[in-house]
Amino acid sequence: MRIKVTAEDFRVEEQVDLPLDPHGGYTLYCVEKRGVTTPEVETMLARRLRRPPSAVRFPALKDRSAVAVQYVAVQGRGPAWAEGPGFVARRMGRASRPLHPTDLRGNRFTVVVRDLVADEAAELGARLAMLAREGLPNYFDQQRFGSRTSTGDLPGRRILLRDAAGALHAHLAEPLEGDPPEVLAFKRTAAEHWGEWEVLFNAAPRPSNFRSVLTYLRDHPDDFRRALDLVTPRLLSLYVEAYQSLLWNRIVARYLLHRLGEPSATVEVAGERLPLFPSLAERLGEGVTIPLPSHRAVYEGDLADVVTEVLEEEGVALADLKPRLLRRAYLPKGSRPLLLQPQQAGATSPEPDERFPGRQRITVTFTLPPGSYATLVLRAMEREETRKEHETRNTHHGERRS
């Protein structure tokens, strides 16, 4: 089973309630992108519209290895059309405020699943229908953990434990799973010349926020805390949110094992095997949520015991879960639904796969609520033995899983 063989094989379309206001001070655009990240589109769109970067904000991020249809609000008036490498933007109207994540109703996915043997292709549609009926845990998936280091650590953990030097070292000198090639090349230099800030400044990619941080370190070589706070706020938020998400996954996995017993299967996320359970919707009931770990989160009963176990194993406490080192980044508050059930799910009949002769492909469609992961659903559709075989092969070859 393969997904994202081409960008067109994986299409996601935001479903959004646009706050249209003909007299508003923002222009709303529908953006279709491929081969670029959402922050890259923000930067390019701001340049083309001659706006500061802060004037262009998407309410959600989408992966580069897909075709994504998203919505964005731009401060001020804008033209009917704008485009750049990897994206086109079409004006939809005006609004009196920026778009917010709460404006999103969900995401509609259309995915071509390739390289299937005949019996596997025949049963994938039925397995998707089963997941739609029975549900699966709403784990954060691999895309959330692009800041994982080669040792499995996360810069966000170091930030929350107030290790400014360690967090800054991860940011500047440790390869992270989501780093592009030019950043990896710079980090090799940074690891060899750590503390030689002039050398690192001259080696840093241009343009990049690395140079702003290193400019400060040249003048204040030991002030790691202030230097860390100069990292792009959105990136710092992604760092701490990744660690929060890892803890949430572990809490949910442990809680479900305590409550439901032996799992029917597992799925690997960020190097950890997380349990899946049959008939989860029926066994849990509707509306169950689990608070996101933070210094103000409240847990009760058996769940509180599970949280204590997980945090003790990590060497952290709930009181630590506030990024006190940072001035401009925060952990999200609130709760996340425990149950994920794909809606409006369907699959085509198998057909010959032109990319893999002798194999078959199908196209699946489904809708998920905001913040849920299609890749998790797709991997849960696989047979357990096939999924483990793919995960082992990818680990062996050092490939990054989708």
Foldseek 3Di string as FASTA:
>chain_A
DDWLPAQAQKEKEWDFDDQADQPAQKWKKWKKFAQDKPLVVLVVVCVVFVHPSVQKDFQDIDDRSHTYIGMIIGGGDDDQWDDDVGMIIGTDHHHNDTDHVVRTFWMKIKHKDWDAADVLLQCLQVLLVQCQQQFKFQAQFAVLFQQQFPVLDFLLVCLLVVNLVVSVLSVQATDGNNDDPLSPVLNPVCVVVPLPLVVSLVSDDPPDLSNVLSVVCVVVVPPSLVSSQSHDQVVNQSRNQSVLSVLVQQLLQVVCCVVPNDAPAWADGSRDTGGIHGSNCVVPDPDDWDWRQALPDDDDDPSVVSSVVSQVVVVHDSNSRFSPSYDRYGHDTDIDDGTWRWAPKGKDRWDADPVDGPIIMIMIMTITGPPGDPVVSSLSSGDRVVNVVVVVVCVVVVHRDD
